[in-house]
Amino acid sequence: LGVPRCWSRSLAMDASPSQRIYRTDDPCIVTMQKMMRGQEGILSLAQGIVHWKPPAAATNAATAALQEPDTNSYCADDGILPLREALRKKLQDENGLSKSSVMVTSGSNQAYMNIVVSLLDEGDAAVIFAPYYFNHAMALQMTSADIVVGQVDEGLNPDLAWLEERMADAALPKIKMVTLVNPGNP
């Protein structure tokens, strides 16, 4: 077939997914899409699902950007430097945050995954509060972190007294990461 010999040997190897992927929940959005398929009169209000075109100004700007050489090349993993510098300046000038690090990603899921794989090793404890964003739980599952679902009050706000007690409890595994999202979706 014209396949290089090194490839044919690689293709013969076991290419099954890792065990941590099997321990990761299926995305609930995909499950919901399957349930809705073929149903009449249902309008999904799920994130990222729009039923109308973007404004002409946005599509025109995107079309123009595609003609720029930098649009079609790789950039630094943490984002384009002038954009990061502008965001850092904004954080300092408008928010008074002078020791901020800035990373620009293609979305919050990529940013969160970057943080999770940078901070956590297998077995490290990480807190998320219910209701939590399913992709956050999936990212933690993929790193084989121990997920601790934090307590919340009647208004679904994180119970900070519980968190303080949990973090101080030397008998339990040390919490290495706490995720706070309001509402429970980025």
C-alpha atoms as a PDB file:
ATOM      1  CA  LEU A   1       0.000   0.000   0.000  1.00  0.00           C
ATOM      2  CA  GLY A   2       2.999   2.281   0.036  1.00  0.00           C
ATOM      3  CA  VAL A   3       2.887   2.677   3.835  1.00  0.00           C
ATOM      4  CA  PRO A   4       6.362   3.170   5.339  1.00  0.00           C
ATOM      5  CA  ARG A   5       7.570   0.084   7.254  1.00  0.00           C
ATOM      6  CA  CYS A   6       7.823   2.001  10.549  1.00  0.00           C
ATOM      7  CA  TRP A   7       4.166   3.012  10.200  1.00  0.00           C
ATOM      8  CA  SER A   8       2.981  -0.507   9.464  1.00  0.00           C
ATOM      9  CA  ARG A   9       4.724  -1.756  12.633  1.00  0.00           C
ATOM     10  CA  SER A  10       3.115   1.083  14.623  1.00  0.00           C
ATOM     11  CA  LEU A  11      -0.316   0.308  13.189  1.00  0.00           C
ATOM     12  CA  ALA A  12       0.018  -3.298  14.332  1.00  0.00           C
ATOM     13  CA  MET A  13       0.619  -2.187  17.941  1.00  0.00           C
ATOM     14  CA  ASP A  14      -2.234  -1.929  20.428  1.00  0.00           C
ATOM     15  CA  ALA A  15      -3.681   1.555  19.928  1.00  0.00           C
ATOM     16  CA  SER A  16      -6.452   1.295  22.503  1.00  0.00           C
ATOM     17  CA  PRO A  17      -7.295   4.356  24.625  1.00  0.00           C
ATOM     18  CA  SER A  18      -5.672   4.828  28.020  1.00  0.00           C
ATOM     19  CA  GLN A  19      -7.438   3.583  31.145  1.00  0.00           C
ATOM     20  CA  ARG A  20      -7.904   7.179  32.327  1.00  0.00           C
ATOM     21  CA  ILE A  21     -10.020   7.870  29.238  1.00  0.00           C
ATOM     22  CA  TYR A  22     -12.271   4.929  30.140  1.00  0.00           C
ATOM     23  CA  ARG A  23     -12.646   6.478  33.627  1.00  0.00           C
ATOM     24  CA  THR A  24     -13.719   9.810  32.102  1.00  0.00           C
ATOM     25  CA  ASP A  25     -17.428  10.614  31.827  1.00  0.00           C
ATOM     26  CA  ASP A  26     -19.010  10.997  28.406  1.00  0.00           C
ATOM     27  CA  PRO A  27     -19.825  14.633  27.572  1.00  0.00           C
ATOM     28  CA  CYS A  28     -23.414  15.316  28.595  1.00  0.00           C
ATOM     29  CA  ILE A  29     -23.955  17.596  25.593  1.00  0.00           C
ATOM     30  CA  VAL A  30     -23.388  14.665  23.220  1.00  0.00           C
ATOM     31  CA  THR A  31     -25.845  12.558  25.236  1.00  0.00           C
ATOM     32  CA  MET A  32     -28.448  15.325  25.055  1.00  0.00           C
ATOM     33  CA  GLN A  33     -27.901  15.782  21.306  1.00  0.00           C
ATOM     34  CA  LYS A  34     -28.549  12.064  20.778  1.00  0.00           C
ATOM     35  CA  MET A  35     -31.754  12.298  22.836  1.00  0.00           C
ATOM     36  CA  MET A  36     -32.970  15.305  20.810  1.00  0.00           C
ATOM     37  CA  ARG A  37     -32.097  13.861  17.394  1.00  0.00           C
ATOM     38  CA  GLY A  38     -35.239  13.430  15.321  1.00  0.00           C
ATOM     39  CA  GLN A  39     -37.487  15.212  17.820  1.00  0.00           C
ATOM     40  CA  GLU A  40     -39.729  18.000  16.543  1.00  0.00           C
ATOM     41  CA  GLY A  41     -40.309  21.401  18.173  1.00  0.00           C
ATOM     42  CA  ILE A  42     -37.289  21.344  20.494  1.00  0.00           C
ATOM     43  CA  LEU A  43     -35.040  24.398  20.690  1.00  0.00           C
ATOM     44  CA  SER A  44     -31.720  23.712  22.385  1.00  0.00           C
ATOM     45  CA  LEU A  45     -30.539  26.400  24.754  1.00  0.00           C
ATOM     46  CA  ALA A  46     -27.244  24.599  25.298  1.00  0.00           C
ATOM     47  CA  GLN A  47     -24.048  26.588  25.248  1.00  0.00           C
ATOM     48  CA  GLY A  48     -22.501  27.248  21.897  1.00  0.00           C
ATOM     49  CA  ILE A  49     -25.584  26.298  19.921  1.00  0.00           C
ATOM     50  CA  VAL A  50     -26.896  29.259  17.983  1.00  0.00           C
ATOM     51  CA  HIS A  51     -29.747  29.355  15.545  1.00  0.00           C
ATOM     52  CA  TRP A  52     -28.862  32.557  13.694  1.00  0.00           C
ATOM     53  CA  LYS A  53     -25.985  33.970  11.671  1.00  0.00           C
ATOM     54  CA  PRO A  54     -23.359  36.260  13.214  1.00  0.00           C
ATOM     55  CA  PRO A  55     -23.522  39.969  12.316  1.00  0.00           C
ATOM     56  CA  ALA A  56     -22.066  40.932   8.939  1.00  0.00           C
ATOM     57  CA  ALA A  57     -19.389  43.041  10.648  1.00  0.00           C
ATOM     58  CA  ALA A  58     -18.101  39.928  12.437  1.00  0.00           C
ATOM     59  CA  THR A  59     -18.019  37.736   9.320  1.00  0.00           C
ATOM     60  CA  ASN A  60     -16.366  40.554   7.314  1.00  0.00           C
ATOM     61  CA  ALA A  61     -13.692  40.984  10.005  1.00  0.00           C
ATOM     62  CA  ALA A  62     -13.102  37.211  10.096  1.00  0.00           C
ATOM     63  CA  THR A  63     -12.791  37.084   6.309  1.00  0.00           C
ATOM     64  CA  ALA A  64     -10.272  39.943   6.361  1.00  0.00           C
ATOM     65  CA  ALA A  65      -8.301  38.273   9.157  1.00  0.00           C
ATOM     66  CA  LEU A  66      -7.993  35.100   7.082  1.00  0.00           C
ATOM     67  CA  GLN A  67      -5.999  37.097   4.517  1.00  0.00           C
ATOM     68  CA  GLU A  68      -3.385  38.119   7.102  1.00  0.00           C
ATOM     69  CA  PRO A  69      -0.204  35.987   7.079  1.00  0.00           C
ATOM     70  CA  ASP A  70      -0.106  35.686  10.882  1.00  0.00           C
ATOM     71  CA  THR A  71      -3.584  34.157  10.937  1.00  0.00           C
ATOM     72  CA  ASN A  72      -2.311  31.076   9.154  1.00  0.00           C
ATOM     73  CA  SER A  73       0.728  30.306  11.272  1.00  0.00           C
ATOM     74  CA  TYR A  74       1.485  28.960  14.690  1.00  0.00           C
ATOM     75  CA  CYS A  75       1.898  31.300  17.604  1.00  0.00           C
ATOM     76  CA  ALA A  76       3.197  30.870  21.128  1.00  0.00           C
ATOM     77  CA  ASP A  77       1.195  28.359  23.190  1.00  0.00           C
ATOM     78  CA  ASP A  78       0.275  31.085  25.659  1.00  0.00           C
ATOM     79  CA  GLY A  79      -1.020  33.445  22.969  1.00  0.00           C
ATOM     80  CA  ILE A  80       0.215  36.298  20.811  1.00  0.00           C
ATOM     81  CA  LEU A  81       2.579  38.523  22.807  1.00  0.00           C
ATOM     82  CA  PRO A  82       1.064  41.941  21.920  1.00  0.00           C
ATOM     83  CA  LEU A  83      -2.383  40.688  22.951  1.00  0.00           C
ATOM     84  CA  ARG A  84      -1.053  39.254  26.229  1.00  0.00           C
ATOM     85  CA  GLU A  85       0.770  42.527  26.969  1.00  0.00           C
ATOM     86  CA  ALA A  86      -2.389  44.551  26.261  1.00  0.00           C
ATOM     87  CA  LEU A  87      -4.425  42.294  28.563  1.00  0.00           C
ATOM     88  CA  ARG A  88      -1.771  42.494  31.298  1.00  0.00           C
ATOM     89  CA  LYS A  89      -1.828  46.311  31.022  1.00  0.00           C
ATOM     90  CA  LYS A  90      -5.632  46.327  31.219  1.00  0.00           C
ATOM     91  CA  LEU A  91      -5.527  44.159  34.358  1.00  0.00           C
ATOM     92  CA  GLN A  92      -3.024  46.519  35.950  1.00  0.00           C
ATOM     93  CA  ASP A  93      -4.641  49.810  34.902  1.00  0.00           C
ATOM     94  CA  GLU A  94      -8.318  48.945  35.356  1.00  0.00           C
ATOM     95  CA  ASN A  95      -8.236  46.186  37.955  1.00  0.00           C
ATOM     96  CA  GLY A  96      -5.135  47.003  40.003  1.00  0.00           C
ATOM     97  CA  LEU A  97      -3.626  43.560  39.394  1.00  0.00           C
ATOM     98  CA  SER A  98       0.086  44.085  38.869  1.00  0.00           C
ATOM     99  CA  LYS A  99       1.466  40.548  39.283  1.00  0.00           C
ATOM    100  CA  SER A 100      -0.799  38.824  36.771  1.00  0.00           C
ATOM    101  CA  SER A 101       0.251  36.220  34.273  1.00  0.00           C
ATOM    102  CA  VAL A 102      -1.853  36.114  31.127  1.00  0.00           C
ATOM    103  CA  MET A 103      -2.498  33.201  28.792  1.00  0.00           C
ATOM    104  CA  VAL A 104      -4.735  33.481  25.741  1.00  0.00           C
ATOM    105  CA  THR A 105      -6.379  30.237  24.642  1.00  0.00           C
ATOM    106  CA  SER A 106      -8.976  29.234  22.094  1.00  0.00           C
ATOM    107  CA  GLY A 107     -11.518  28.871  24.903  1.00  0.00           C
ATOM    108  CA  SER A 108     -12.100  28.247  28.573  1.00  0.00           C
ATOM    109  CA  ASN A 109     -11.911  24.450  28.175  1.00  0.00           C
ATOM    110  CA  GLN A 110      -8.402  24.664  26.755  1.00  0.00           C
ATOM    111  CA  ALA A 111      -7.358  27.109  29.463  1.00  0.00           C
ATOM    112  CA  TYR A 112      -8.756  24.892  32.215  1.00  0.00           C
ATOM    113  CA  MET A 113      -7.146  21.755  30.779  1.00  0.00           C
ATOM    114  CA  ASN A 114      -3.800  23.581  30.536  1.00  0.00           C
ATOM    115  CA  ILE A 115      -4.066  24.485  34.220  1.00  0.00           C
ATOM    116  CA  VAL A 116      -5.129  20.988  35.290  1.00  0.00           C
ATOM    117  CA  VAL A 117      -2.311  19.177  33.465  1.00  0.00           C
ATOM    118  CA  SER A 118       0.188  21.781  34.685  1.00  0.00           C
ATOM    119  CA  LEU A 119      -0.770  21.512  38.356  1.00  0.00           C
ATOM    120  CA  LEU A 120      -2.079  18.010  39.039  1.00  0.00           C
ATOM    121  CA  ASP A 121      -0.543  14.587  39.101  1.00  0.00           C
ATOM    122  CA  GLU A 122      -2.399  11.310  39.467  1.00  0.00           C
ATOM    123  CA  GLY A 123      -3.997  11.121  42.897  1.00  0.00           C
ATOM    124  CA  ASP A 124      -3.746  14.846  43.692  1.00  0.00           C
ATOM    125  CA  ALA A 125      -6.925  16.132  45.327  1.00  0.00           C
ATOM    126  CA  ALA A 126      -8.931  18.833  43.546  1.00  0.00           C
ATOM    127  CA  VAL A 127     -12.151  20.508  44.721  1.00  0.00           C
ATOM    128  CA  ILE A 128     -15.074  21.380  42.455  1.00  0.00           C
ATOM    129  CA  PHE A 129     -18.416  22.637  43.744  1.00  0.00           C
ATOM    130  CA  ALA A 130     -21.754  21.290  42.514  1.00  0.00           C
ATOM    131  CA  PRO A 131     -23.285  22.206  40.259  1.00  0.00           C
ATOM    132  CA  TYR A 132     -20.023  22.056  38.354  1.00  0.00           C
ATOM    133  CA  TYR A 133     -19.254  22.352  34.679  1.00  0.00           C
ATOM    134  CA  PHE A 134     -19.026  18.814  33.283  1.00  0.00           C
ATOM    135  CA  ASN A 135     -15.856  19.597  31.311  1.00  0.00           C
ATOM    136  CA  HIS A 136     -14.105  20.510  34.563  1.00  0.00           C
ATOM    137  CA  ALA A 137     -14.942  17.093  36.025  1.00  0.00           C
ATOM    138  CA  MET A 138     -13.811  15.425  32.789  1.00  0.00           C
ATOM    139  CA  ALA A 139     -10.471  17.283  32.824  1.00  0.00           C
ATOM    140  CA  LEU A 140      -9.855  16.190  36.402  1.00  0.00           C
ATOM    141  CA  GLN A 141     -10.828  12.598  35.536  1.00  0.00           C
ATOM    142  CA  MET A 142      -8.412  12.601  32.588  1.00  0.00           C
ATOM    143  CA  THR A 143      -5.524  13.471  34.905  1.00  0.00           C
ATOM    144  CA  SER A 144      -6.639  10.799  37.406  1.00  0.00           C
ATOM    145  CA  ALA A 145      -6.986  13.445  40.093  1.00  0.00           C
ATOM    146  CA  ASP A 146      -9.036  12.655  43.182  1.00  0.00           C
ATOM    147  CA  ILE A 147     -12.164  14.787  42.795  1.00  0.00           C
ATOM    148  CA  VAL A 148     -13.573  16.255  45.990  1.00  0.00           C
ATOM    149  CA  VAL A 149     -17.058  17.703  45.486  1.00  0.00           C
ATOM    150  CA  GLY A 150     -17.268  20.678  47.827  1.00  0.00           C
ATOM    151  CA  GLN A 151     -20.242  21.587  49.942  1.00  0.00           C
ATOM    152  CA  VAL A 152     -22.462  24.514  48.976  1.00  0.00           C
ATOM    153  CA  ASP A 153     -25.043  26.590  50.826  1.00  0.00           C
ATOM    154  CA  GLU A 154     -28.764  26.910  50.023  1.00  0.00           C
ATOM    155  CA  GLY A 155     -27.958  29.442  47.290  1.00  0.00           C
ATOM    156  CA  LEU A 156     -25.444  27.037  45.685  1.00  0.00           C
ATOM    157  CA  ASN A 157     -22.546  29.254  46.773  1.00  0.00           C
ATOM    158  CA  PRO A 158     -19.360  27.443  47.817  1.00  0.00           C
ATOM    159  CA  ASP A 159     -19.301  26.787  51.563  1.00  0.00           C
ATOM    160  CA  LEU A 160     -16.050  28.561  52.388  1.00  0.00           C
ATOM    161  CA  ALA A 161     -16.133  27.401  56.020  1.00  0.00           C
ATOM    162  CA  TRP A 162     -16.270  23.787  54.775  1.00  0.00           C
ATOM    163  CA  LEU A 163     -13.391  24.508  52.355  1.00  0.00           C
ATOM    164  CA  GLU A 164     -11.266  26.064  55.093  1.00  0.00           C
ATOM    165  CA  GLU A 165     -11.896  23.082  57.400  1.00  0.00           C
ATOM    166  CA  ARG A 166     -11.216  20.587  54.618  1.00  0.00           C
ATOM    167  CA  MET A 167      -7.961  22.278  53.643  1.00  0.00           C
ATOM    168  CA  ALA A 168      -6.821  22.345  57.290  1.00  0.00           C
ATOM    169  CA  ASP A 169      -7.624  18.652  57.924  1.00  0.00           C
ATOM    170  CA  ALA A 170      -4.204  16.959  57.965  1.00  0.00           C
ATOM    171  CA  ALA A 171      -5.852  13.521  58.126  1.00  0.00           C
ATOM    172  CA  LEU A 172      -7.194  13.908  54.571  1.00  0.00           C
ATOM    173  CA  PRO A 173      -5.203  14.206  51.338  1.00  0.00           C
ATOM    174  CA  LYS A 174      -3.956  17.747  50.782  1.00  0.00           C
ATOM    175  CA  ILE A 175      -6.046  19.816  48.373  1.00  0.00           C
ATOM    176  CA  LYS A 176      -3.833  20.951  45.516  1.00  0.00           C
ATOM    177  CA  MET A 177      -6.425  22.782  43.407  1.00  0.00           C
ATOM    178  CA  VAL A 178      -9.776  24.469  43.990  1.00  0.00           C
ATOM    179  CA  THR A 179     -12.063  25.403  41.093  1.00  0.00           C
ATOM    180  CA  LEU A 180     -14.509  28.271  41.660  1.00  0.00           C
ATOM    181  CA  VAL A 181     -16.911  29.070  38.841  1.00  0.00           C
ATOM    182  CA  ASN A 182     -19.999  31.229  39.085  1.00  0.00           C
ATOM    183  CA  PRO A 183     -22.431  30.125  37.904  1.00  0.00           C
ATOM    184  CA  GLY A 184     -21.440  26.429  37.700  1.00  0.00           C
ATOM    185  CA  ASN A 185     -20.539  26.918  34.035  1.00  0.00           C
ATOM    186  CA  PRO A 186     -17.667  29.036  32.649  1.00  0.00           C
END
